[in-house]
Amino acid sequence: MAEPVNLNRFRKAKARADRKAQASENAVKFGRTKAEKDLEKARTDKACAEIERHKLDE
């Protein structure tokens, strides 16, 4: 006789695998490297500093 299969466990494992696959796809689509993030932060900081230098004092 075959062993009984826990369908709840099977269903949850399949859902977990599906979520992991979706996360991997999203990481490829939307993910950025650390260098890209650092470069964007540096550009933003420089732009903010540029704006601050052009403000008039009251």
N, C-alpha and C. Protein backbone atom coordinates (compact mmCIF):
# COMPACT_ATOMS: atom_id res chain seq x y z
N MET A 1 0.83 -1.17 0.00
CA MET A 1 0.00 0.00 0.00
C MET A 1 0.88 1.24 0.00
N ALA A 2 0.47 2.28 -0.70
CA ALA A 2 1.23 3.51 -0.80
C ALA A 2 1.08 4.34 0.47
N GLU A 3 2.08 5.16 0.70
CA GLU A 3 2.04 6.04 1.86
C GLU A 3 1.05 7.17 1.60
N PRO A 4 0.31 7.59 2.61
CA PRO A 4 -0.60 8.73 2.42
C PRO A 4 0.20 10.03 2.22
N VAL A 5 -0.33 10.90 1.40
CA VAL A 5 0.34 12.16 1.08
C VAL A 5 -0.41 13.28 1.78
N ASN A 6 0.34 14.12 2.44
CA ASN A 6 -0.25 15.27 3.10
C ASN A 6 -0.43 16.37 2.06
N LEU A 7 -1.66 16.58 1.61
CA LEU A 7 -1.93 17.54 0.54
C LEU A 7 -1.68 18.98 0.98
N ASN A 8 -1.91 19.26 2.24
CA ASN A 8 -1.65 20.61 2.75
C ASN A 8 -0.16 20.94 2.62
N ARG A 9 0.68 20.01 3.00
CA ARG A 9 2.13 20.22 2.91
C ARG A 9 2.55 20.40 1.46
N PHE A 10 1.99 19.58 0.58
CA PHE A 10 2.31 19.66 -0.85
C PHE A 10 1.88 21.02 -1.41
N ARG A 11 0.68 21.47 -1.06
CA ARG A 11 0.16 22.74 -1.55
C ARG A 11 1.02 23.91 -1.07
N LYS A 12 1.41 23.88 0.19
CA LYS A 12 2.23 24.96 0.74
C LYS A 12 3.63 24.97 0.11
N ALA A 13 4.20 23.81 -0.13
CA ALA A 13 5.52 23.73 -0.75
C ALA A 13 5.47 24.28 -2.18
N LYS A 14 4.42 23.97 -2.90
CA LYS A 14 4.27 24.48 -4.26
C LYS A 14 4.12 26.00 -4.25
N ALA A 15 3.32 26.52 -3.33
CA ALA A 15 3.14 27.97 -3.23
C ALA A 15 4.46 28.65 -2.88
N ARG A 16 5.23 28.04 -1.99
CA ARG A 16 6.52 28.60 -1.59
C ARG A 16 7.46 28.65 -2.79
N ALA A 17 7.48 27.59 -3.59
CA ALA A 17 8.34 27.54 -4.77
C ALA A 17 7.91 28.59 -5.79
N ASP A 18 6.61 28.77 -5.95
CA ASP A 18 6.10 29.77 -6.89
C ASP A 18 6.50 31.19 -6.47
N ARG A 19 6.40 31.47 -5.17
CA ARG A 19 6.78 32.79 -4.66
C ARG A 19 8.28 33.03 -4.85
N LYS A 20 9.08 31.99 -4.63
CA LYS A 20 10.53 32.13 -4.80
C LYS A 20 10.88 32.38 -6.26
N ALA A 21 10.20 31.71 -7.18
CA ALA A 21 10.44 31.93 -8.60
C ALA A 21 10.05 33.35 -9.00
N GLN A 22 8.93 33.83 -8.50
CA GLN A 22 8.49 35.20 -8.79
C GLN A 22 9.48 36.22 -8.24
N ALA A 23 9.99 35.96 -7.06
CA ALA A 23 10.97 36.87 -6.45
C ALA A 23 12.25 36.92 -7.28
N SER A 24 12.67 35.79 -7.80
CA SER A 24 13.87 35.76 -8.64
C SER A 24 13.65 36.57 -9.92
N GLU A 25 12.48 36.42 -10.53
CA GLU A 25 12.18 37.19 -11.74
C GLU A 25 12.19 38.68 -11.44
N ASN A 26 11.60 39.07 -10.31
CA ASN A 26 11.56 40.49 -9.95
C ASN A 26 12.95 41.03 -9.67
N ALA A 27 13.80 40.22 -9.06
CA ALA A 27 15.16 40.66 -8.77
C ALA A 27 15.90 40.95 -10.07
N VAL A 28 15.68 40.14 -11.08
CA VAL A 28 16.33 40.38 -12.37
C VAL A 28 15.75 41.61 -13.04
N LYS A 29 14.43 41.77 -12.96
CA LYS A 29 13.76 42.89 -13.62
C LYS A 29 14.06 44.22 -12.96
N PHE A 30 13.93 44.28 -11.64
CA PHE A 30 13.96 45.55 -10.94
C PHE A 30 15.19 45.75 -10.07
N GLY A 31 15.98 44.73 -9.87
CA GLY A 31 17.11 44.83 -8.97
C GLY A 31 18.22 45.70 -9.52
N ARG A 32 18.95 46.33 -8.63
CA ARG A 32 20.10 47.14 -9.02
C ARG A 32 21.30 46.70 -8.20
N THR A 33 22.45 46.87 -8.77
CA THR A 33 23.66 46.50 -8.04
C THR A 33 23.96 47.56 -7.00
N LYS A 34 24.83 47.21 -6.07
CA LYS A 34 25.20 48.16 -5.02
C LYS A 34 25.89 49.37 -5.62
N ALA A 35 26.69 49.16 -6.64
CA ALA A 35 27.38 50.28 -7.29
C ALA A 35 26.38 51.25 -7.90
N GLU A 36 25.33 50.72 -8.53
CA GLU A 36 24.31 51.59 -9.12
C GLU A 36 23.58 52.40 -8.05
N LYS A 37 23.28 51.76 -6.93
CA LYS A 37 22.61 52.46 -5.83
C LYS A 37 23.51 53.55 -5.26
N ASP A 38 24.80 53.24 -5.07
CA ASP A 38 25.74 54.22 -4.53
C ASP A 38 25.89 55.41 -5.48
N LEU A 39 25.96 55.13 -6.78
CA LEU A 39 26.09 56.19 -7.77
C LEU A 39 24.87 57.11 -7.75
N GLU A 40 23.70 56.53 -7.68
CA GLU A 40 22.47 57.34 -7.63
C GLU A 40 22.43 58.19 -6.36
N LYS A 41 22.86 57.62 -5.23
CA LYS A 41 22.87 58.37 -3.98
C LYS A 41 23.86 59.53 -4.06
N ALA A 42 25.01 59.29 -4.65
CA ALA A 42 26.01 60.35 -4.78
C ALA A 42 25.49 61.47 -5.67
N ARG A 43 24.83 61.11 -6.76
CA ARG A 43 24.27 62.13 -7.66
C ARG A 43 23.18 62.93 -6.95
N THR A 44 22.34 62.25 -6.19
CA THR A 44 21.27 62.94 -5.46
C THR A 44 21.85 63.90 -4.43
N ASP A 45 22.86 63.44 -3.69
CA ASP A 45 23.51 64.29 -2.67
C ASP A 45 24.14 65.52 -3.33
N LYS A 46 24.77 65.31 -4.47
CA LYS A 46 25.41 66.42 -5.17
C LYS A 46 24.37 67.43 -5.64
N ALA A 47 23.24 66.94 -6.15
CA ALA A 47 22.18 67.83 -6.62
C ALA A 47 21.59 68.62 -5.45
N CYS A 48 21.39 67.98 -4.31
CA CYS A 48 20.87 68.67 -3.14
C CYS A 48 21.84 69.75 -2.67
N ALA A 49 23.12 69.45 -2.68
CA ALA A 49 24.13 70.42 -2.27
C ALA A 49 24.13 71.60 -3.24
N GLU A 50 23.97 71.34 -4.52
CA GLU A 50 23.93 72.39 -5.53
C GLU A 50 22.74 73.32 -5.29
N ILE A 51 21.60 72.75 -4.98
CA ILE A 51 20.40 73.55 -4.69
C ILE A 51 20.61 74.39 -3.44
N GLU A 52 21.19 73.81 -2.41
CA GLU A 52 21.43 74.53 -1.16
C GLU A 52 22.38 75.72 -1.38
N ARG A 53 23.35 75.56 -2.25
CA ARG A 53 24.31 76.65 -2.49
C ARG A 53 23.65 77.83 -3.21
N HIS A 54 22.58 77.57 -3.95
CA HIS A 54 21.94 78.63 -4.71
C HIS A 54 20.79 79.31 -3.97
N LYS A 55 20.51 78.86 -2.76
CA LYS A 55 19.45 79.49 -1.99
C LYS A 55 19.92 80.85 -1.48
N LEU A 56 18.99 81.78 -1.46
CA LEU A 56 19.30 83.11 -0.95
C LEU A 56 19.05 83.18 0.54
N ASP A 57 19.93 83.88 1.24
CA ASP A 57 19.74 84.08 2.68
C ASP A 57 18.77 85.24 2.89
N GLU A 58 17.99 85.15 3.92
CA GLU A 58 17.04 86.23 4.21
C GLU A 58 17.60 87.21 5.19
